[in-house]
Amino acid sequence: MQDLTLKDIQHTVDDWIKRYGVRYFSELTNTACLMEEVGELARLMARTYGDQSFKDKEKESSIADEMADILWVLTCLANQTGVDLNEAFLKNIEKKTSRDKDRHINNVKLFKKDE
């Protein structure tokens, strides 16, 4: 299996769209698709780790596949809007580190045992 960087993923999605997808869906459509995919993951998580039970057809769903669907649509949106996901992710880590470097370490709630 090949390891891909975020840049590789963006290029792979763009190449696939150009070869097989005709064109990108509009940004608004892809945003709605992203929300739909997040909802599918949420449903699966609620049934796998939460209190809900599976419906028969849902047993075939895969958490990994739903996460990959989310990454796909998010990558489409990044490509459409000119966002370099690698650069954006690194800046986001920097922001979180600057803002939250002591916040979680000092949160006593995080050190309580699960009930």
PDB file of N, CA and C in Angstrom:
ATOM      1  N   MET A   1       0.847  -1.188   0.000  1.00  0.00           N
ATOM      2  CA  MET A   1       0.000   0.000   0.000  1.00  0.00           C
ATOM      3  C   MET A   1       0.887   1.244   0.000  1.00  0.00           C
ATOM      4  N   GLN A   2       0.497   2.197  -0.781  1.00  0.00           N
ATOM      5  CA  GLN A   2       1.278   3.419  -0.959  1.00  0.00           C
ATOM      6  C   GLN A   2       0.889   4.469   0.078  1.00  0.00           C
ATOM      7  N   ASP A   3       1.891   5.094   0.700  1.00  0.00           N
ATOM      8  CA  ASP A   3       1.638   6.226   1.583  1.00  0.00           C
ATOM      9  C   ASP A   3       1.458   7.479   0.732  1.00  0.00           C
ATOM     10  N   LEU A   4       0.458   8.280   1.088  1.00  0.00           N
ATOM     11  CA  LEU A   4       0.185   9.508   0.349  1.00  0.00           C
ATOM     12  C   LEU A   4       0.280  10.704   1.283  1.00  0.00           C
ATOM     13  N   THR A   5       0.845  11.779   0.801  1.00  0.00           N
ATOM     14  CA  THR A   5       0.822  13.033   1.536  1.00  0.00           C
ATOM     15  C   THR A   5      -0.498  13.733   1.227  1.00  0.00           C
ATOM     16  N   LEU A   6      -0.804  14.777   1.950  1.00  0.00           N
ATOM     17  CA  LEU A   6      -2.000  15.557   1.638  1.00  0.00           C
ATOM     18  C   LEU A   6      -1.918  16.119   0.215  1.00  0.00           C
ATOM     19  N   LYS A   7      -0.731  16.541  -0.181  1.00  0.00           N
ATOM     20  CA  LYS A   7      -0.535  17.050  -1.538  1.00  0.00           C
ATOM     21  C   LYS A   7      -0.820  15.946  -2.557  1.00  0.00           C
ATOM     22  N   ASP A   8      -0.349  14.729  -2.285  1.00  0.00           N
ATOM     23  CA  ASP A   8      -0.630  13.593  -3.166  1.00  0.00           C
ATOM     24  C   ASP A   8      -2.127  13.340  -3.266  1.00  0.00           C
ATOM     25  N   ILE A   9      -2.803  13.415  -2.135  1.00  0.00           N
ATOM     26  CA  ILE A   9      -4.248  13.176  -2.111  1.00  0.00           C
ATOM     27  C   ILE A   9      -4.959  14.224  -2.961  1.00  0.00           C
ATOM     28  N   GLN A  10      -4.557  15.477  -2.814  1.00  0.00           N
ATOM     29  CA  GLN A  10      -5.182  16.530  -3.613  1.00  0.00           C
ATOM     30  C   GLN A  10      -4.966  16.293  -5.110  1.00  0.00           C
ATOM     31  N   HIS A  11      -3.764  15.888  -5.485  1.00  0.00           N
ATOM     32  CA  HIS A  11      -3.483  15.615  -6.901  1.00  0.00           C
ATOM     33  C   HIS A  11      -4.260  14.390  -7.385  1.00  0.00           C
ATOM     34  N   THR A  12      -4.340  13.355  -6.560  1.00  0.00           N
ATOM     35  CA  THR A  12      -5.043  12.130  -6.931  1.00  0.00           C
ATOM     36  C   THR A  12      -6.523  12.403  -7.173  1.00  0.00           C
ATOM     37  N   VAL A  13      -7.136  13.156  -6.270  1.00  0.00           N
ATOM     38  CA  VAL A  13      -8.550  13.494  -6.434  1.00  0.00           C
ATOM     39  C   VAL A  13      -8.746  14.336  -7.693  1.00  0.00           C
ATOM     40  N   ASP A  14      -7.897  15.320  -7.895  1.00  0.00           N
ATOM     41  CA  ASP A  14      -8.029  16.174  -9.072  1.00  0.00           C
ATOM     42  C   ASP A  14      -7.874  15.369 -10.359  1.00  0.00           C
ATOM     43  N   ASP A  15      -6.888  14.481 -10.391  1.00  0.00           N
ATOM     44  CA  ASP A  15      -6.691  13.633 -11.571  1.00  0.00           C
ATOM     45  C   ASP A  15      -7.914  12.748 -11.814  1.00  0.00           C
ATOM     46  N   TRP A  16      -8.479  12.186 -10.750  1.00  0.00           N
ATOM     47  CA  TRP A  16      -9.647  11.313 -10.882  1.00  0.00           C
ATOM     48  C   TRP A  16     -10.838  12.103 -11.429  1.00  0.00           C
ATOM     49  N   ILE A  17     -11.059  13.289 -10.872  1.00  0.00           N
ATOM     50  CA  ILE A  17     -12.174  14.124 -11.333  1.00  0.00           C
ATOM     51  C   ILE A  17     -12.015  14.430 -12.820  1.00  0.00           C
ATOM     52  N   LYS A  18     -10.823  14.803 -13.237  1.00  0.00           N
ATOM     53  CA  LYS A  18     -10.581  15.146 -14.636  1.00  0.00           C
ATOM     54  C   LYS A  18     -10.727  13.936 -15.560  1.00  0.00           C
ATOM     55  N   ARG A  19     -10.385  12.761 -15.060  1.00  0.00           N
ATOM     56  CA  ARG A  19     -10.435  11.559 -15.895  1.00  0.00           C
ATOM     57  C   ARG A  19     -11.812  10.896 -15.917  1.00  0.00           C
ATOM     58  N   TYR A  20     -12.460  10.812 -14.737  1.00  0.00           N
ATOM     59  CA  TYR A  20     -13.706  10.053 -14.627  1.00  0.00           C
ATOM     60  C   TYR A  20     -14.921  10.879 -14.221  1.00  0.00           C
ATOM     61  N   GLY A  21     -14.703  11.989 -13.570  1.00  0.00           N
ATOM     62  CA  GLY A  21     -15.807  12.714 -12.959  1.00  0.00           C
ATOM     63  C   GLY A  21     -16.436  13.804 -13.798  1.00  0.00           C
ATOM     64  N   VAL A  22     -15.950  14.021 -14.997  1.00  0.00           N
ATOM     65  CA  VAL A  22     -16.405  15.063 -15.903  1.00  0.00           C
ATOM     66  C   VAL A  22     -15.998  16.442 -15.375  1.00  0.00           C
ATOM     67  N   ARG A  23     -16.458  16.800 -14.168  1.00  0.00           N
ATOM     68  CA  ARG A  23     -16.086  18.069 -13.535  1.00  0.00           C
ATOM     69  C   ARG A  23     -16.414  17.966 -12.051  1.00  0.00           C
ATOM     70  N   TYR A  24     -15.911  18.904 -11.286  1.00  0.00           N
ATOM     71  CA  TYR A  24     -16.275  18.976  -9.869  1.00  0.00           C
ATOM     72  C   TYR A  24     -17.737  19.382  -9.760  1.00  0.00           C
ATOM     73  N   PHE A  25     -18.429  18.850  -8.766  1.00  0.00           N
ATOM     74  CA  PHE A  25     -19.737  19.398  -8.420  1.00  0.00           C
ATOM     75  C   PHE A  25     -19.490  20.823  -7.926  1.00  0.00           C
ATOM     76  N   SER A  26     -20.515  21.643  -7.887  1.00  0.00           N
ATOM     77  CA  SER A  26     -20.341  23.007  -7.376  1.00  0.00           C
ATOM     78  C   SER A  26     -19.896  22.953  -5.914  1.00  0.00           C
ATOM     79  N   GLU A  27     -19.305  24.050  -5.472  1.00  0.00           N
ATOM     80  CA  GLU A  27     -18.859  24.130  -4.075  1.00  0.00           C
ATOM     81  C   GLU A  27     -20.022  23.930  -3.109  1.00  0.00           C
ATOM     82  N   LEU A  28     -21.170  24.489  -3.447  1.00  0.00           N
ATOM     83  CA  LEU A  28     -22.340  24.338  -2.581  1.00  0.00           C
ATOM     84  C   LEU A  28     -22.799  22.882  -2.536  1.00  0.00           C
ATOM     85  N   THR A  29     -22.840  22.225  -3.691  1.00  0.00           N
ATOM     86  CA  THR A  29     -23.223  20.811  -3.727  1.00  0.00           C
ATOM     87  C   THR A  29     -22.227  19.976  -2.937  1.00  0.00           C
ATOM     88  N   ASN A  30     -20.933  20.241  -3.115  1.00  0.00           N
ATOM     89  CA  ASN A  30     -19.933  19.473  -2.366  1.00  0.00           C
ATOM     90  C   ASN A  30     -20.015  19.740  -0.870  1.00  0.00           C
ATOM     91  N   THR A  31     -20.375  20.943  -0.474  1.00  0.00           N
ATOM     92  CA  THR A  31     -20.559  21.222   0.953  1.00  0.00           C
ATOM     93  C   THR A  31     -21.717  20.393   1.497  1.00  0.00           C
ATOM     94  N   ALA A  32     -22.810  20.326   0.750  1.00  0.00           N
ATOM     95  CA  ALA A  32     -23.947  19.494   1.165  1.00  0.00           C
ATOM     96  C   ALA A  32     -23.545  18.025   1.197  1.00  0.00           C
ATOM     97  N   CYS A  33     -22.761  17.581   0.215  1.00  0.00           N
ATOM     98  CA  CYS A  33     -22.284  16.188   0.201  1.00  0.00           C
ATOM     99  C   CYS A  33     -21.399  15.906   1.409  1.00  0.00           C
ATOM    100  N   LEU A  34     -20.576  16.883   1.786  1.00  0.00           N
ATOM    101  CA  LEU A  34     -19.720  16.714   2.957  1.00  0.00           C
ATOM    102  C   LEU A  34     -20.562  16.524   4.215  1.00  0.00           C
ATOM    103  N   MET A  35     -21.600  17.329   4.370  1.00  0.00           N
ATOM    104  CA  MET A  35     -22.484  17.203   5.533  1.00  0.00           C
ATOM    105  C   MET A  35     -23.166  15.823   5.541  1.00  0.00           C
ATOM    106  N   GLU A  36     -23.565  15.367   4.364  1.00  0.00           N
ATOM    107  CA  GLU A  36     -24.192  14.048   4.244  1.00  0.00           C
ATOM    108  C   GLU A  36     -23.220  12.944   4.674  1.00  0.00           C
ATOM    109  N   GLU A  37     -21.987  13.036   4.213  1.00  0.00           N
ATOM    110  CA  GLU A  37     -20.990  12.018   4.564  1.00  0.00           C
ATOM    111  C   GLU A  37     -20.666  12.042   6.059  1.00  0.00           C
ATOM    112  N   VAL A  38     -20.585  13.225   6.645  1.00  0.00           N
ATOM    113  CA  VAL A  38     -20.345  13.332   8.090  1.00  0.00           C
ATOM    114  C   VAL A  38     -21.516  12.701   8.849  1.00  0.00           C
ATOM    115  N   GLY A  39     -22.731  12.922   8.365  1.00  0.00           N
ATOM    116  CA  GLY A  39     -23.903  12.306   8.984  1.00  0.00           C
ATOM    117  C   GLY A  39     -23.852  10.790   8.910  1.00  0.00           C
ATOM    118  N   GLU A  40     -23.393  10.249   7.782  1.00  0.00           N
ATOM    119  CA  GLU A  40     -23.279   8.797   7.650  1.00  0.00           C
ATOM    120  C   GLU A  40     -22.262   8.236   8.643  1.00  0.00           C
ATOM    121  N   LEU A  41     -21.150   8.957   8.827  1.00  0.00           N
ATOM    122  CA  LEU A  41     -20.158   8.526   9.816  1.00  0.00           C
ATOM    123  C   LEU A  41     -20.741   8.618  11.222  1.00  0.00           C
ATOM    124  N   ALA A  42     -21.459   9.690  11.504  1.00  0.00           N
ATOM    125  CA  ALA A  42     -22.060   9.860  12.835  1.00  0.00           C
ATOM    126  C   ALA A  42     -23.039   8.730  13.138  1.00  0.00           C
ATOM    127  N   ARG A  43     -23.850   8.359  12.158  1.00  0.00           N
ATOM    128  CA  ARG A  43     -24.803   7.265  12.347  1.00  0.00           C
ATOM    129  C   ARG A  43     -24.061   5.966  12.661  1.00  0.00           C
ATOM    130  N   LEU A  44     -23.006   5.699  11.907  1.00  0.00           N
ATOM    131  CA  LEU A  44     -22.236   4.481  12.106  1.00  0.00           C
ATOM    132  C   LEU A  44     -21.533   4.469  13.463  1.00  0.00           C
ATOM    133  N   MET A  45     -21.007   5.608  13.874  1.00  0.00           N
ATOM    134  CA  MET A  45     -20.355   5.704  15.190  1.00  0.00           C
ATOM    135  C   MET A  45     -21.359   5.488  16.309  1.00  0.00           C
ATOM    136  N   ALA A  46     -22.565   6.053  16.156  1.00  0.00           N
ATOM    137  CA  ALA A  46     -23.607   5.887  17.182  1.00  0.00           C
ATOM    138  C   ALA A  46     -24.008   4.425  17.329  1.00  0.00           C
ATOM    139  N   ARG A  47     -23.984   3.699  16.235  1.00  0.00           N
ATOM    140  CA  ARG A  47     -24.368   2.295  16.287  1.00  0.00           C
ATOM    141  C   ARG A  47     -23.213   1.390  16.730  1.00  0.00           C
ATOM    142  N   THR A  48     -21.990   1.774  16.391  1.00  0.00           N
ATOM    143  CA  THR A  48     -20.825   0.963  16.747  1.00  0.00           C
ATOM    144  C   THR A  48     -20.387   1.205  18.187  1.00  0.00           C
ATOM    145  N   TYR A  49     -20.360   2.467  18.600  1.00  0.00           N
ATOM    146  CA  TYR A  49     -19.831   2.816  19.923  1.00  0.00           C
ATOM    147  C   TYR A  49     -20.882   3.370  20.864  1.00  0.00           C
ATOM    148  N   GLY A  50     -22.041   3.700  20.340  1.00  0.00           N
ATOM    149  CA  GLY A  50     -23.103   4.279  21.156  1.00  0.00           C
ATOM    150  C   GLY A  50     -24.170   3.255  21.491  1.00  0.00           C
ATOM    151  N   ASP A  51     -25.329   3.757  21.803  1.00  0.00           N
ATOM    152  CA  ASP A  51     -26.406   2.920  22.303  1.00  0.00           C
ATOM    153  C   ASP A  51     -27.368   2.435  21.222  1.00  0.00           C
ATOM    154  N   GLN A  52     -27.237   2.929  20.012  1.00  0.00           N
ATOM    155  CA  GLN A  52     -28.170   2.527  18.963  1.00  0.00           C
ATOM    156  C   GLN A  52     -27.768   1.181  18.367  1.00  0.00           C
ATOM    157  N   SER A  53     -28.759   0.460  17.868  1.00  0.00           N
ATOM    158  CA  SER A  53     -28.487  -0.814  17.209  1.00  0.00           C
ATOM    159  C   SER A  53     -28.495  -0.619  15.695  1.00  0.00           C
ATOM    160  N   PHE A  54     -27.870  -1.555  14.993  1.00  0.00           N
ATOM    161  CA  PHE A  54     -27.796  -1.503  13.539  1.00  0.00           C
ATOM    162  C   PHE A  54     -29.102  -1.934  12.897  1.00  0.00           C
ATOM    163  N   LYS A  55     -29.403  -1.291  11.776  1.00  0.00           N
ATOM    164  CA  LYS A  55     -30.435  -1.791  10.883  1.00  0.00           C
ATOM    165  C   LYS A  55     -29.721  -2.798   9.980  1.00  0.00           C
ATOM    166  N   ASP A  56     -30.457  -3.735   9.400  1.00  0.00           N
ATOM    167  CA  ASP A  56     -29.821  -4.794   8.619  1.00  0.00           C
ATOM    168  C   ASP A  56     -28.851  -4.287   7.557  1.00  0.00           C
ATOM    169  N   LYS A  57     -29.263  -3.328   6.745  1.00  0.00           N
ATOM    170  CA  LYS A  57     -28.401  -2.875   5.648  1.00  0.00           C
ATOM    171  C   LYS A  57     -27.200  -2.058   6.129  1.00  0.00           C
ATOM    172  N   GLU A  58     -27.265  -1.513   7.325  1.00  0.00           N
ATOM    173  CA  GLU A  58     -26.172  -0.693   7.849  1.00  0.00           C
ATOM    174  C   GLU A  58     -24.976  -1.526   8.271  1.00  0.00           C
ATOM    175  N   LYS A  59     -25.175  -2.813   8.510  1.00  0.00           N
ATOM    176  CA  LYS A  59     -24.082  -3.662   8.974  1.00  0.00           C
ATOM    177  C   LYS A  59     -22.957  -3.750   7.946  1.00  0.00           C
ATOM    178  N   GLU A  60     -23.271  -3.433   6.700  1.00  0.00           N
ATOM    179  CA  GLU A  60     -22.277  -3.504   5.638  1.00  0.00           C
ATOM    180  C   GLU A  60     -21.393  -2.258   5.600  1.00  0.00           C
ATOM    181  N   SER A  61     -21.767  -1.205   6.308  1.00  0.00           N
ATOM    182  CA  SER A  61     -21.007   0.046   6.282  1.00  0.00           C
ATOM    183  C   SER A  61     -19.693  -0.109   7.028  1.00  0.00           C
ATOM    184  N   SER A  62     -18.716   0.690   6.610  1.00  0.00           N
ATOM    185  CA  SER A  62     -17.388   0.648   7.209  1.00  0.00           C
ATOM    186  C   SER A  62     -16.997   2.044   7.691  1.00  0.00           C
ATOM    187  N   ILE A  63     -16.541   2.125   8.915  1.00  0.00           N
ATOM    188  CA  ILE A  63     -16.088   3.404   9.466  1.00  0.00           C
ATOM    189  C   ILE A  63     -14.963   3.962   8.596  1.00  0.00           C
ATOM    190  N   ALA A  64     -14.021   3.118   8.204  1.00  0.00           N
ATOM    191  CA  ALA A  64     -12.897   3.571   7.374  1.00  0.00           C
ATOM    192  C   ALA A  64     -13.400   4.129   6.042  1.00  0.00           C
ATOM    193  N   ASP A  65     -14.360   3.457   5.427  1.00  0.00           N
ATOM    194  CA  ASP A  65     -14.887   3.917   4.145  1.00  0.00           C
ATOM    195  C   ASP A  65     -15.614   5.249   4.291  1.00  0.00           C
ATOM    196  N   GLU A  66     -16.370   5.409   5.376  1.00  0.00           N
ATOM    197  CA  GLU A  66     -17.073   6.675   5.604  1.00  0.00           C
ATOM    198  C   GLU A  66     -16.074   7.808   5.841  1.00  0.00           C
ATOM    199  N   MET A  67     -14.995   7.539   6.580  1.00  0.00           N
ATOM    200  CA  MET A  67     -13.968   8.561   6.782  1.00  0.00           C
ATOM    201  C   MET A  67     -13.293   8.919   5.464  1.00  0.00           C
ATOM    202  N   ALA A  68     -13.052   7.926   4.622  1.00  0.00           N
ATOM    203  CA  ALA A  68     -12.442   8.186   3.314  1.00  0.00           C
ATOM    204  C   ALA A  68     -13.380   9.022   2.436  1.00  0.00           C
ATOM    205  N   ASP A  69     -14.698   8.760   2.519  1.00  0.00           N
ATOM    206  CA  ASP A  69     -15.662   9.584   1.781  1.00  0.00           C
ATOM    207  C   ASP A  69     -15.578  11.044   2.214  1.00  0.00           C
ATOM    208  N   ILE A  70     -15.443  11.263   3.512  1.00  0.00           N
ATOM    209  CA  ILE A  70     -15.321  12.629   4.039  1.00  0.00           C
ATOM    210  C   ILE A  70     -14.047  13.282   3.522  1.00  0.00           C
ATOM    211  N   LEU A  71     -12.944  12.550   3.568  1.00  0.00           N
ATOM    212  CA  LEU A  71     -11.667  13.081   3.079  1.00  0.00           C
ATOM    213  C   LEU A  71     -11.756  13.413   1.595  1.00  0.00           C
ATOM    214  N   TRP A  72     -12.440  12.558   0.831  1.00  0.00           N
ATOM    215  CA  TRP A  72     -12.603  12.791  -0.612  1.00  0.00           C
ATOM    216  C   TRP A  72     -13.317  14.122  -0.875  1.00  0.00           C
ATOM    217  N   VAL A  73     -14.469  14.303  -0.246  1.00  0.00           N
ATOM    218  CA  VAL A  73     -15.260  15.507  -0.515  1.00  0.00           C
ATOM    219  C   VAL A  73     -14.547  16.748   0.026  1.00  0.00           C
ATOM    220  N   LEU A  74     -13.927  16.631   1.192  1.00  0.00           N
ATOM    221  CA  LEU A  74     -13.159  17.752   1.736  1.00  0.00           C
ATOM    222  C   LEU A  74     -12.025  18.126   0.790  1.00  0.00           C
ATOM    223  N   THR A  75     -11.390  17.123   0.205  1.00  0.00           N
ATOM    224  CA  THR A  75     -10.313  17.367  -0.755  1.00  0.00           C
ATOM    225  C   THR A  75     -10.854  18.049  -2.013  1.00  0.00           C
ATOM    226  N   CYS A  76     -12.011  17.628  -2.468  1.00  0.00           N
ATOM    227  CA  CYS A  76     -12.640  18.307  -3.610  1.00  0.00           C
ATOM    228  C   CYS A  76     -12.839  19.781  -3.299  1.00  0.00           C
ATOM    229  N   LEU A  77     -13.371  20.071  -2.136  1.00  0.00           N
ATOM    230  CA  LEU A  77     -13.601  21.468  -1.751  1.00  0.00           C
ATOM    231  C   LEU A  77     -12.291  22.246  -1.660  1.00  0.00           C
ATOM    232  N   ALA A  78     -11.265  21.615  -1.121  1.00  0.00           N
ATOM    233  CA  ALA A  78      -9.961  22.282  -1.043  1.00  0.00           C
ATOM    234  C   ALA A  78      -9.441  22.595  -2.443  1.00  0.00           C
ATOM    235  N   ASN A  79      -9.540  21.627  -3.338  1.00  0.00           N
ATOM    236  CA  ASN A  79      -9.076  21.851  -4.708  1.00  0.00           C
ATOM    237  C   ASN A  79      -9.862  22.971  -5.386  1.00  0.00           C
ATOM    238  N   GLN A  80     -11.156  22.980  -5.169  1.00  0.00           N
ATOM    239  CA  GLN A  80     -12.012  23.986  -5.812  1.00  0.00           C
ATOM    240  C   GLN A  80     -11.749  25.396  -5.303  1.00  0.00           C
ATOM    241  N   THR A  81     -11.384  25.498  -4.040  1.00  0.00           N
ATOM    242  CA  THR A  81     -11.224  26.821  -3.427  1.00  0.00           C
ATOM    243  C   THR A  81      -9.765  27.254  -3.304  1.00  0.00           C
ATOM    244  N   GLY A  82      -8.861  26.442  -3.860  1.00  0.00           N
ATOM    245  CA  GLY A  82      -7.444  26.803  -3.857  1.00  0.00           C
ATOM    246  C   GLY A  82      -6.751  26.644  -2.517  1.00  0.00           C
ATOM    247  N   VAL A  83      -7.273  25.779  -1.668  1.00  0.00           N
ATOM    248  CA  VAL A  83      -6.659  25.547  -0.361  1.00  0.00           C
ATOM    249  C   VAL A  83      -5.625  24.428  -0.472  1.00  0.00           C
ATOM    250  N   ASP A  84      -4.421  24.702  -0.031  1.00  0.00           N
ATOM    251  CA  ASP A  84      -3.375  23.686   0.082  1.00  0.00           C
ATOM    252  C   ASP A  84      -3.571  23.044   1.459  1.00  0.00           C
ATOM    253  N   LEU A  85      -4.088  21.820   1.469  1.00  0.00           N
ATOM    254  CA  LEU A  85      -4.418  21.168   2.749  1.00  0.00           C
ATOM    255  C   LEU A  85      -3.196  20.963   3.636  1.00  0.00           C
ATOM    256  N   ASN A  86      -2.047  20.691   3.031  1.00  0.00           N
ATOM    257  CA  ASN A  86      -0.836  20.512   3.818  1.00  0.00           C
ATOM    258  C   ASN A  86      -0.495  21.803   4.568  1.00  0.00           C
ATOM    259  N   GLU A  87      -0.482  22.901   3.832  1.00  0.00           N
ATOM    260  CA  GLU A  87      -0.182  24.209   4.432  1.00  0.00           C
ATOM    261  C   GLU A  87      -1.241  24.584   5.476  1.00  0.00           C
ATOM    262  N   ALA A  88      -2.498  24.371   5.143  1.00  0.00           N
ATOM    263  CA  ALA A  88      -3.588  24.709   6.069  1.00  0.00           C
ATOM    264  C   ALA A  88      -3.485  23.875   7.341  1.00  0.00           C
ATOM    265  N   PHE A  89      -3.163  22.596   7.200  1.00  0.00           N
ATOM    266  CA  PHE A  89      -3.061  21.723   8.372  1.00  0.00           C
ATOM    267  C   PHE A  89      -1.908  22.156   9.277  1.00  0.00           C
ATOM    268  N   LEU A  90      -0.762  22.462   8.680  1.00  0.00           N
ATOM    269  CA  LEU A  90       0.388  22.895   9.479  1.00  0.00           C
ATOM    270  C   LEU A  90       0.091  24.200  10.221  1.00  0.00           C
ATOM    271  N   LYS A  91      -0.566  25.142   9.553  1.00  0.00           N
ATOM    272  CA  LYS A  91      -0.956  26.398  10.209  1.00  0.00           C
ATOM    273  C   LYS A  91      -1.952  26.131  11.327  1.00  0.00           C
ATOM    274  N   ASN A  92      -2.852  25.181  11.127  1.00  0.00           N
ATOM    275  CA  ASN A  92      -3.853  24.854  12.129  1.00  0.00           C
ATOM    276  C   ASN A  92      -3.203  24.238  13.365  1.00  0.00           C
ATOM    277  N   ILE A  93      -2.227  23.367  13.165  1.00  0.00           N
ATOM    278  CA  ILE A  93      -1.489  22.771  14.294  1.00  0.00           C
ATOM    279  C   ILE A  93      -0.770  23.868  15.072  1.00  0.00           C
ATOM    280  N   GLU A  94      -0.165  24.796  14.346  1.00  0.00           N
ATOM    281  CA  GLU A  94       0.522  25.931  14.981  1.00  0.00           C
ATOM    282  C   GLU A  94      -0.453  26.746  15.829  1.00  0.00           C
ATOM    283  N   LYS A  95      -1.634  27.030  15.275  1.00  0.00           N
ATOM    284  CA  LYS A  95      -2.656  27.796  15.993  1.00  0.00           C
ATOM    285  C   LYS A  95      -3.100  27.065  17.251  1.00  0.00           C
ATOM    286  N   LYS A  96      -3.380  25.768  17.108  1.00  0.00           N
ATOM    287  CA  LYS A  96      -3.831  24.986  18.260  1.00  0.00           C
ATOM    288  C   LYS A  96      -2.763  24.920  19.341  1.00  0.00           C
ATOM    289  N   THR A  97      -1.518  24.759  18.921  1.00  0.00           N
ATOM    290  CA  THR A  97      -0.426  24.671  19.882  1.00  0.00           C
ATOM    291  C   THR A  97      -0.272  25.987  20.631  1.00  0.00           C
ATOM    292  N   SER A  98      -0.305  27.087  19.906  1.00  0.00           N
ATOM    293  CA  SER A  98      -0.183  28.394  20.534  1.00  0.00           C
ATOM    294  C   SER A  98      -1.336  28.667  21.500  1.00  0.00           C
ATOM    295  N   ARG A  99      -2.530  28.320  21.079  1.00  0.00           N
ATOM    296  CA  ARG A  99      -3.726  28.616  21.862  1.00  0.00           C
ATOM    297  C   ARG A  99      -3.940  27.637  23.015  1.00  0.00           C
ATOM    298  N   ASP A 100      -3.644  26.366  22.782  1.00  0.00           N
ATOM    299  CA  ASP A 100      -4.073  25.318  23.720  1.00  0.00           C
ATOM    300  C   ASP A 100      -2.938  24.533  24.373  1.00  0.00           C
ATOM    301  N   LYS A 101      -1.698  25.004  24.265  1.00  0.00           N
ATOM    302  CA  LYS A 101      -0.585  24.188  24.767  1.00  0.00           C
ATOM    303  C   LYS A 101      -0.710  23.854  26.244  1.00  0.00           C
ATOM    304  N   ASP A 102      -1.323  24.717  27.051  1.00  0.00           N
ATOM    305  CA  ASP A 102      -1.492  24.437  28.477  1.00  0.00           C
ATOM    306  C   ASP A 102      -2.936  24.092  28.844  1.00  0.00           C
ATOM    307  N   ARG A 103      -3.845  24.407  27.974  1.00  0.00           N
ATOM    308  CA  ARG A 103      -5.271  24.260  28.276  1.00  0.00           C
ATOM    309  C   ARG A 103      -5.663  22.831  28.645  1.00  0.00           C
ATOM    310  N   HIS A 104      -5.284  21.860  27.835  1.00  0.00           N
ATOM    311  CA  HIS A 104      -5.705  20.483  28.078  1.00  0.00           C
ATOM    312  C   HIS A 104      -4.895  19.833  29.198  1.00  0.00           C
ATOM    313  N   ILE A 105      -3.625  20.179  29.274  1.00  0.00           N
ATOM    314  CA  ILE A 105      -2.779  19.634  30.343  1.00  0.00           C
ATOM    315  C   ILE A 105      -3.294  20.073  31.707  1.00  0.00           C
ATOM    316  N   ASN A 106      -3.871  21.260  31.787  1.00  0.00           N
ATOM    317  CA  ASN A 106      -4.387  21.793  33.050  1.00  0.00           C
ATOM    318  C   ASN A 106      -5.868  21.497  33.272  1.00  0.00           C
ATOM    319  N   ASN A 107      -6.471  20.708  32.414  1.00  0.00           N
ATOM    320  CA  ASN A 107      -7.890  20.374  32.531  1.00  0.00           C
ATOM    321  C   ASN A 107      -8.047  19.121  33.394  1.00  0.00           C
ATOM    322  N   VAL A 108      -8.467  19.296  34.629  1.00  0.00           N
ATOM    323  CA  VAL A 108      -8.595  18.166  35.555  1.00  0.00           C
ATOM    324  C   VAL A 108      -9.638  17.158  35.072  1.00  0.00           C
ATOM    325  N   LYS A 109     -10.592  17.608  34.273  1.00  0.00           N
ATOM    326  CA  LYS A 109     -11.616  16.692  33.753  1.00  0.00           C
ATOM    327  C   LYS A 109     -11.004  15.588  32.883  1.00  0.00           C
ATOM    328  N   LEU A 110      -9.913  15.901  32.235  1.00  0.00           N
ATOM    329  CA  LEU A 110      -9.273  14.923  31.360  1.00  0.00           C
ATOM    330  C   LEU A 110      -8.512  13.837  32.126  1.00  0.00           C
ATOM    331  N   PHE A 111      -8.291  14.068  33.421  1.00  0.00           N
ATOM    332  CA  PHE A 111      -7.545  13.100  34.202  1.00  0.00           C
ATOM    333  C   PHE A 111      -8.443  12.255  35.098  1.00  0.00           C
ATOM    334  N   LYS A 112      -9.761  12.482  35.005  1.00  0.00           N
ATOM    335  CA  LYS A 112     -10.708  11.668  35.759  1.00  0.00           C
ATOM    336  C   LYS A 112     -10.888  10.358  35.036  1.00  0.00           C
ATOM    337  N   LYS A 113     -11.113   9.303  35.809  1.00  0.00           N
ATOM    338  CA  LYS A 113     -11.383   7.999  35.200  1.00  0.00           C
ATOM    339  C   LYS A 113     -12.790   8.006  34.652  1.00  0.00           C
ATOM    340  N   ASP A 114     -12.962   7.285  33.521  1.00  0.00           N
ATOM    341  CA  ASP A 114     -14.292   7.149  32.929  1.00  0.00           C
ATOM    342  C   ASP A 114     -15.230   6.435  33.904  1.00  0.00           C
ATOM    343  N   GLU A 115     -16.440   6.909  33.899  1.00  0.00           N
ATOM    344  CA  GLU A 115     -17.432   6.304  34.791  1.00  0.00           C
ATOM    345  C   GLU A 115     -18.094   5.120  34.140  1.00  0.00           C
TER     346      GLU A 115
END
